[in-house]
Amino acid sequence: MNKKMSINLQKCFDSLTCNAIDFLEKSVTELDNSPKYSVIHFCSAIELFFKARLLVEHWSLIFKKPENAQLSKFKAGDFNSVSMDEAINRLKNISGEKIENKAEQCFKIVRNHRNQLIHFFNEKYIVKPDNATLDEVIPEQYAAWFYLHSLLISKWQPIFKDYLEKIEKLNHLMQRHKKYLSAKHEEMKPAILNDKTNGIQYEKCYFCNFDAAKVDGSYDPLFSCTCRICNMRSNFLVIACPKCETDIKVEDLGLGECQKCGFVSDINFLLQELAPDEDPKEESLRAYCSNCEYSAEPTAIPFGDSYLCLNCLELLDEHGHCGYCNDLIAGSGYNLESSYCCGCVMCEGSLAQDRS
């Protein structure tokens, strides 16, 4: 915990963290009989952990509008607080802390599910919950907890060090989700085997490790698949080995190994094979990726109407030049309008220069 925080802020941090732990414990106990409330309480737990992390930066950042923050209202709890999306963006823009894109997507799935339940309704939750309902809730909670747990015990470990024992107890509770997924895999094995017999391709899921990721899209050499057990999506490339021409499956970070001759691919190999030929006298079409933020060199290349990052294998639907450093940046939802002030993958923008 930041030693500069006053004793009152320390108590506030402790209260937020304990509240998050309480909500998550409650979510697990409600899962079987009240999945609706399990979704609501699980999402609340994630938001509280993010608010606790944001509080370490400054108490005003918990306010939805920090410019209107008042210490008296903060102490009384009389204010509209930051949303999950806003908390993530503030950690990125103010703390320079990157939340992995796959993690952010998992958190947003939980948030959208919660919002549907509290602002509208979902017919599946009006009647007694069935296995189909649990099939939806459990994978999304398991995935979101996987990434949140990783943050809490690694990158955020110094901040939440006093709660590591309780966090590991939560992790033990969440492992019942893994057992559910294992049982689901056993049930689905016959259907998956039948699909394979009929020529449908399956891959090993990078997340739950079951051989259940159904290939459901192909944009040669890019393939996408969705796991029928945990619902996680992933992309991979299929590239001919330069030594023996055997197909190599390449996943993120450019890594792939030829099963015949042992050739190992990397980012440089993918760029040589897939990046467009360019005239050094002309402006390069290769862009830096705002998704994975790989900065050693631009790894996003034109791919149809979009860009494809050869490091994280995500399709990026927007691209443009940073308003401050002028580097070409590609990303999904990347905000070019704020790049002059806030910067990009390759710079910190004008605000950082003003502070220095």
Protein backbone atom coordinates (compact mmCIF):
# COMPACT_ATOMS: atom_id res chain seq x y z
CA MET A 1 0.00 0.00 0.00
CA ASN A 2 1.27 3.49 -0.81
CA LYS A 3 2.74 4.91 2.42
CA LYS A 4 1.64 8.42 1.39
CA MET A 5 -2.00 7.44 1.89
CA SER A 6 -3.53 8.76 5.10
CA ILE A 7 -4.89 6.36 7.71
CA ASN A 8 -8.45 7.14 6.57
CA LEU A 9 -7.64 6.21 2.98
CA GLN A 10 -6.04 3.00 4.22
CA LYS A 11 -9.28 2.14 6.00
CA CYS A 12 -11.19 2.97 2.83
CA PHE A 13 -8.92 0.68 0.81
CA ASP A 14 -9.39 -2.10 3.35
CA SER A 15 -13.16 -1.65 3.29
CA LEU A 16 -13.31 -1.76 -0.51
CA THR A 17 -11.15 -4.89 -0.64
CA CYS A 18 -13.10 -6.69 2.10
CA ASN A 19 -16.34 -5.76 0.37
CA ALA A 20 -15.02 -7.17 -2.92
CA ILE A 21 -14.04 -10.44 -1.22
CA ASP A 22 -17.45 -10.67 0.47
CA PHE A 23 -19.30 -10.15 -2.83
CA LEU A 24 -17.21 -12.80 -4.57
CA GLU A 25 -17.76 -15.35 -1.80
CA LYS A 26 -21.48 -14.62 -1.98
CA SER A 27 -21.43 -15.06 -5.75
CA VAL A 28 -20.01 -18.58 -5.50
CA THR A 29 -22.60 -19.72 -2.94
CA GLU A 30 -25.46 -18.33 -5.07
CA LEU A 31 -24.38 -19.90 -8.34
CA ASP A 32 -26.46 -23.10 -8.32
CA ASN A 33 -29.77 -21.74 -7.06
CA SER A 34 -29.58 -18.01 -7.85
CA PRO A 35 -27.32 -17.48 -10.87
CA LYS A 36 -28.87 -14.06 -11.49
CA TYR A 37 -27.60 -12.75 -8.16
CA SER A 38 -24.34 -14.63 -8.65
CA VAL A 39 -23.75 -12.61 -11.84
CA ILE A 40 -24.64 -9.33 -10.11
CA HIS A 41 -22.45 -9.95 -7.07
CA PHE A 42 -19.56 -11.30 -9.12
CA CYS A 43 -19.48 -8.16 -11.27
CA SER A 44 -19.68 -5.98 -8.16
CA ALA A 45 -16.63 -7.79 -6.77
CA ILE A 46 -14.59 -7.07 -9.91
CA GLU A 47 -15.57 -3.40 -9.87
CA LEU A 48 -14.64 -3.05 -6.18
CA PHE A 49 -11.20 -4.58 -6.74
CA PHE A 50 -10.61 -2.08 -9.56
CA LYS A 51 -11.79 0.82 -7.39
CA ALA A 52 -9.45 -0.29 -4.60
CA ARG A 53 -6.57 -0.39 -7.07
CA LEU A 54 -7.52 3.04 -8.42
CA LEU A 55 -7.75 4.47 -4.90
CA VAL A 56 -4.03 3.87 -4.49
CA GLU A 57 -3.40 6.40 -7.26
CA HIS A 58 -5.64 9.10 -5.77
CA TRP A 59 -8.98 9.20 -3.97
CA SER A 60 -10.48 11.65 -6.50
CA LEU A 61 -10.16 9.06 -9.28
CA ILE A 62 -12.95 7.04 -7.64
CA PHE A 63 -15.38 9.82 -8.58
CA LYS A 64 -17.15 9.49 -11.91
CA LYS A 65 -16.16 13.11 -12.51
CA PRO A 66 -12.83 13.69 -10.72
CA GLU A 67 -13.04 17.41 -11.50
CA ASN A 68 -16.02 17.63 -9.12
CA ALA A 69 -14.41 15.55 -6.35
CA GLN A 70 -14.81 16.80 -2.79
CA LEU A 71 -13.11 15.20 0.18
CA SER A 72 -16.20 15.67 2.36
CA LYS A 73 -18.35 13.77 -0.14
CA PHE A 74 -15.70 11.08 -0.46
CA LYS A 75 -15.64 10.52 3.31
CA ALA A 76 -19.45 10.39 3.39
CA GLY A 77 -19.67 8.10 0.34
CA ASP A 78 -22.02 10.64 -1.23
CA PHE A 79 -20.98 10.54 -4.89
CA ASN A 80 -21.35 8.64 -8.17
CA SER A 81 -18.37 6.34 -8.49
CA VAL A 82 -16.33 5.27 -11.47
CA SER A 83 -17.54 2.40 -13.69
CA MET A 84 -15.46 -0.66 -14.53
CA ASP A 85 -14.62 0.66 -18.02
CA GLU A 86 -13.68 4.07 -16.65
CA ALA A 87 -11.49 2.51 -13.94
CA ILE A 88 -9.63 0.43 -16.54
CA ASN A 89 -9.13 3.46 -18.79
CA ARG A 90 -7.88 5.60 -15.92
CA LEU A 91 -5.37 2.93 -14.90
CA LYS A 92 -4.15 2.89 -18.51
CA ASN A 93 -4.03 6.64 -19.07
CA ILE A 94 -2.98 7.86 -15.64
CA SER A 95 -0.94 4.98 -14.22
CA GLY A 96 0.32 3.66 -17.54
CA GLU A 97 -0.92 0.25 -16.48
CA LYS A 98 -1.91 -2.08 -19.30
CA ILE A 99 -4.79 -4.51 -18.77
CA GLU A 100 -4.43 -7.40 -21.21
CA ASN A 101 -7.01 -7.14 -23.99
CA LYS A 102 -8.31 -10.68 -23.43
CA ALA A 103 -8.74 -9.89 -19.74
CA GLU A 104 -10.57 -6.65 -20.49
CA GLN A 105 -12.93 -8.46 -22.84
CA CYS A 106 -13.73 -11.05 -20.15
CA PHE A 107 -14.49 -8.31 -17.63
CA LYS A 108 -16.76 -6.57 -20.13
CA ILE A 109 -18.70 -9.79 -20.80
CA VAL A 110 -19.44 -10.05 -17.07
CA ARG A 111 -20.37 -6.35 -16.94
CA ASN A 112 -22.72 -6.58 -19.94
CA HIS A 113 -24.39 -9.66 -18.46
CA ARG A 114 -24.90 -7.86 -15.14
CA ASN A 115 -26.25 -4.75 -16.86
CA GLN A 116 -28.80 -6.78 -18.78
CA LEU A 117 -30.09 -8.31 -15.56
CA ILE A 118 -30.36 -5.12 -13.50
CA HIS A 119 -31.47 -2.70 -16.24
CA PHE A 120 -33.75 -5.04 -18.23
CA PHE A 121 -34.21 -8.79 -17.88
CA ASN A 122 -33.18 -12.14 -19.28
CA GLU A 123 -35.92 -14.73 -19.78
CA LYS A 124 -33.62 -17.57 -18.72
CA TYR A 125 -33.54 -16.18 -15.18
CA ILE A 126 -37.30 -15.79 -14.77
CA VAL A 127 -37.81 -19.54 -14.35
CA LYS A 128 -35.78 -21.99 -12.28
CA PRO A 129 -32.21 -21.99 -13.66
CA ASP A 130 -31.19 -24.97 -15.77
CA ASN A 131 -27.87 -26.33 -17.02
CA ALA A 132 -27.97 -24.05 -20.06
CA THR A 133 -27.99 -21.02 -17.76
CA LEU A 134 -25.03 -22.36 -15.78
CA ASP A 135 -23.25 -23.14 -19.06
CA GLU A 136 -23.34 -19.41 -19.77
CA VAL A 137 -22.50 -18.06 -16.32
CA ILE A 138 -19.74 -20.42 -15.18
CA PRO A 139 -17.34 -20.03 -18.15
CA GLU A 140 -17.54 -16.22 -18.09
CA GLN A 141 -16.93 -16.09 -14.33
CA TYR A 142 -14.11 -18.62 -14.53
CA ALA A 143 -12.39 -16.63 -17.28
CA ALA A 144 -12.82 -13.26 -15.54
CA TRP A 145 -11.53 -14.66 -12.24
CA PHE A 146 -8.54 -16.21 -14.01
CA TYR A 147 -7.39 -12.78 -15.19
CA LEU A 148 -8.36 -10.92 -12.01
CA HIS A 149 -6.55 -13.48 -9.83
CA SER A 150 -3.48 -13.12 -12.01
CA LEU A 151 -3.50 -9.34 -11.47
CA LEU A 152 -3.99 -9.67 -7.72
CA ILE A 153 -1.14 -12.11 -7.12
CA SER A 154 1.38 -10.70 -9.61
CA LYS A 155 1.20 -7.13 -10.90
CA TRP A 156 -0.93 -5.90 -7.97
CA GLN A 157 0.64 -8.16 -5.36
CA PRO A 158 2.44 -5.34 -3.48
CA ILE A 159 -0.87 -3.48 -3.16
CA PHE A 160 -3.01 -6.42 -2.01
CA LYS A 161 -0.26 -8.27 -0.11
CA ASP A 162 -2.23 -8.17 3.17
CA TYR A 163 -5.08 -10.04 1.49
CA LEU A 164 -3.17 -12.75 -0.38
CA GLU A 165 -4.33 -15.50 1.99
CA LYS A 166 -7.98 -14.55 1.51
CA ILE A 167 -7.44 -14.21 -2.24
CA GLU A 168 -6.08 -17.76 -2.39
CA LYS A 169 -9.11 -19.00 -0.46
CA LEU A 170 -11.27 -17.31 -3.10
CA ASN A 171 -9.22 -19.03 -5.78
CA HIS A 172 -9.89 -22.37 -4.11
CA LEU A 173 -13.63 -21.61 -4.13
CA MET A 174 -13.51 -20.71 -7.81
CA GLN A 175 -11.94 -24.06 -8.69
CA ARG A 176 -15.38 -25.63 -8.46
CA HIS A 177 -15.99 -23.83 -11.76
CA LYS A 178 -13.09 -25.81 -13.25
CA LYS A 179 -14.68 -29.05 -12.03
CA TYR A 180 -17.93 -28.02 -13.70
CA LEU A 181 -16.10 -27.40 -16.98
CA SER A 182 -14.43 -30.82 -16.71
CA ALA A 183 -17.82 -32.47 -16.26
CA LYS A 184 -19.18 -30.50 -19.22
CA HIS A 185 -16.26 -31.71 -21.34
CA GLU A 186 -17.04 -35.34 -20.49
CA GLU A 187 -20.66 -34.78 -21.54
CA MET A 188 -19.67 -33.16 -24.83
CA LYS A 189 -16.97 -35.64 -25.85
CA PRO A 190 -19.35 -37.76 -28.03
CA ALA A 191 -20.66 -34.70 -29.89
CA ILE A 192 -17.14 -33.35 -30.46
CA LEU A 193 -15.94 -36.76 -31.68
CA ASN A 194 -18.90 -36.92 -34.07
CA ASP A 195 -18.01 -33.46 -35.43
CA LYS A 196 -14.42 -34.56 -36.01
CA THR A 197 -15.64 -37.67 -37.84
CA ASN A 198 -17.62 -35.36 -40.12
CA GLY A 199 -14.56 -33.29 -40.91
CA ILE A 200 -15.07 -30.39 -38.48
CA GLN A 201 -11.75 -29.15 -37.12
CA TYR A 202 -11.08 -28.74 -33.41
CA GLU A 203 -8.04 -27.31 -31.62
CA LYS A 204 -6.84 -27.41 -28.03
CA CYS A 205 -8.25 -24.40 -26.16
CA TYR A 206 -5.49 -22.11 -24.92
CA PHE A 207 -7.55 -21.26 -21.84
CA CYS A 208 -9.18 -24.42 -20.41
CA ASN A 209 -6.80 -26.83 -22.25
CA PHE A 210 -9.60 -29.09 -23.46
CA ASP A 211 -9.52 -30.30 -27.07
CA ALA A 212 -12.79 -28.50 -27.71
CA ALA A 213 -12.07 -25.26 -29.59
CA LYS A 214 -14.15 -25.51 -32.76
CA VAL A 215 -12.65 -23.79 -35.80
CA ASP A 216 -15.45 -21.51 -36.98
CA GLY A 217 -13.74 -19.01 -39.24
CA SER A 218 -11.00 -18.94 -41.84
CA TYR A 219 -9.35 -15.99 -43.56
CA ASP A 220 -6.31 -17.82 -44.90
CA PRO A 221 -3.80 -17.91 -43.24
CA LEU A 222 -5.79 -16.71 -40.20
CA PHE A 223 -8.18 -19.08 -38.43
CA SER A 224 -10.48 -18.40 -35.50
CA CYS A 225 -12.01 -20.87 -33.06
CA THR A 226 -14.44 -20.87 -30.15
CA CYS A 227 -14.19 -23.34 -27.28
CA ARG A 228 -17.39 -25.29 -26.68
CA ILE A 229 -16.47 -25.75 -23.03
CA CYS A 230 -15.41 -22.30 -21.79
CA ASN A 231 -16.62 -20.16 -24.75
CA MET A 232 -13.24 -18.45 -25.14
CA ARG A 233 -12.30 -17.26 -28.63
CA SER A 234 -8.82 -17.37 -30.09
CA ASN A 235 -7.01 -16.94 -33.39
CA PHE A 236 -4.09 -18.79 -34.93
CA LEU A 237 -2.13 -18.78 -38.17
CA VAL A 238 -1.22 -21.70 -40.42
CA ILE A 239 2.09 -21.04 -42.20
CA ALA A 240 4.19 -23.35 -44.39
CA CYS A 241 7.51 -24.27 -42.83
CA PRO A 242 10.33 -22.65 -44.87
CA LYS A 243 12.48 -25.79 -44.53
CA CYS A 244 10.11 -28.68 -45.23
CA GLU A 245 6.80 -26.97 -46.21
CA THR A 246 4.87 -28.71 -43.43
CA ASP A 247 2.06 -26.59 -42.01
CA ILE A 248 2.97 -24.83 -38.76
CA LYS A 249 0.33 -23.68 -36.30
CA VAL A 250 1.35 -20.26 -34.97
CA GLU A 251 -0.31 -18.77 -31.92
CA ASP A 252 0.28 -15.42 -30.24
CA LEU A 253 3.78 -13.97 -29.84
CA GLY A 254 4.59 -15.42 -33.24
CA LEU A 255 5.49 -18.76 -31.70
CA GLY A 256 5.03 -22.03 -33.54
CA GLU A 257 7.12 -25.14 -34.10
CA CYS A 258 7.23 -27.44 -37.12
CA GLN A 259 6.35 -30.93 -35.94
CA LYS A 260 8.42 -32.48 -38.73
CA CYS A 261 11.78 -30.66 -38.77
CA GLY A 262 11.67 -28.58 -35.57
CA PHE A 263 11.82 -25.13 -37.19
CA VAL A 264 10.57 -22.49 -34.72
CA SER A 265 8.77 -19.40 -35.99
CA ASP A 266 8.98 -15.94 -34.44
CA ILE A 267 7.78 -12.41 -35.14
CA ASN A 268 10.58 -11.72 -37.62
CA PHE A 269 9.68 -14.83 -39.63
CA LEU A 270 6.00 -13.84 -39.76
CA LEU A 271 6.84 -10.32 -40.89
CA GLN A 272 9.07 -11.68 -43.67
CA GLU A 273 6.31 -14.04 -44.82
CA LEU A 274 3.22 -11.89 -44.45
CA ALA A 275 4.10 -8.19 -44.33
CA PRO A 276 3.65 -6.34 -47.63
CA ASP A 277 6.72 -5.54 -49.72
CA GLU A 278 7.50 -1.88 -49.25
CA ASP A 279 9.59 0.76 -50.91
CA PRO A 280 11.92 2.22 -48.24
CA LYS A 281 11.42 5.63 -49.83
CA GLU A 282 7.68 5.49 -49.14
CA GLU A 283 5.76 5.57 -45.89
CA SER A 284 5.41 2.14 -44.30
CA LEU A 285 1.97 0.56 -43.98
CA ARG A 286 2.98 -1.41 -40.91
CA ALA A 287 1.50 -0.14 -37.65
CA TYR A 288 2.09 -0.53 -33.94
CA CYS A 289 -0.66 -2.47 -32.16
CA SER A 290 -2.57 -0.68 -29.38
CA ASN A 291 -4.00 -4.03 -28.27
CA CYS A 292 -0.84 -5.88 -27.19
CA GLU A 293 1.37 -2.73 -27.17
CA TYR A 294 4.37 -4.54 -28.62
CA SER A 295 6.82 -1.70 -29.18
CA ALA A 296 10.02 -3.31 -30.50
CA GLU A 297 8.72 -2.83 -34.04
CA PRO A 298 5.38 -2.38 -35.85
CA THR A 299 3.71 -5.81 -36.04
CA ALA A 300 0.26 -4.88 -37.40
CA ILE A 301 -0.07 -5.38 -41.15
CA PRO A 302 -2.87 -4.61 -43.63
CA PHE A 303 -5.29 -7.56 -43.76
CA GLY A 304 -8.33 -7.14 -46.00
CA ASP A 305 -10.20 -4.07 -44.78
CA SER A 306 -8.55 -4.28 -41.35
CA TYR A 307 -5.16 -4.72 -39.77
CA LEU A 308 -3.80 -7.95 -38.29
CA CYS A 309 -1.28 -7.87 -35.48
CA LEU A 310 1.20 -10.71 -35.95
CA ASN A 311 2.10 -10.60 -32.27
CA CYS A 312 -1.33 -10.99 -30.63
CA LEU A 313 -3.22 -12.18 -33.76
CA GLU A 314 -6.10 -9.78 -33.20
CA LEU A 315 -7.93 -8.15 -36.09
CA LEU A 316 -7.86 -4.39 -35.63
CA ASP A 317 -10.59 -2.36 -37.29
CA GLU A 318 -9.16 1.15 -36.81
CA HIS A 319 -5.86 2.75 -37.66
CA GLY A 320 -4.33 6.19 -37.93
CA HIS A 321 -1.37 8.35 -36.97
CA CYS A 322 -0.78 9.41 -33.38
CA GLY A 323 -1.48 13.10 -33.01
CA TYR A 324 1.70 13.62 -31.00
CA CYS A 325 4.49 11.36 -32.35
CA ASN A 326 2.87 10.60 -35.75
CA ASP A 327 3.54 6.84 -35.55
CA LEU A 328 0.97 4.67 -37.32
CA ILE A 329 -1.20 2.91 -34.71
CA ALA A 330 -3.84 0.20 -35.23
CA GLY A 331 -6.42 -0.99 -32.73
CA SER A 332 -10.05 -1.76 -32.00
CA GLY A 333 -11.64 1.20 -30.30
CA TYR A 334 -8.37 3.12 -30.37
CA ASN A 335 -9.07 6.80 -29.67
CA LEU A 336 -6.96 8.81 -32.12
CA GLU A 337 -8.67 12.05 -31.10
CA SER A 338 -7.06 11.96 -27.64
CA SER A 339 -3.66 10.71 -28.86
CA TYR A 340 -2.08 14.18 -28.97
CA CYS A 341 -2.74 14.65 -25.26
CA CYS A 342 -2.59 11.06 -23.98
CA GLY A 343 -0.11 9.58 -26.46
CA CYS A 344 0.01 6.08 -27.90
CA VAL A 345 2.04 2.86 -27.71
CA MET A 346 5.19 4.77 -28.63
CA CYS A 347 4.80 8.04 -26.71
CA GLU A 348 3.18 9.56 -23.63
CA GLY A 349 1.64 12.55 -25.40
CA SER A 350 1.78 16.25 -24.69
CA LEU A 351 0.41 16.02 -21.15
CA ALA A 352 3.42 14.00 -20.01
CA GLN A 353 5.74 16.57 -21.59
CA ASP A 354 3.86 19.39 -19.85
CA ARG A 355 4.26 17.67 -16.46
CA SER A 356 8.00 17.25 -17.01
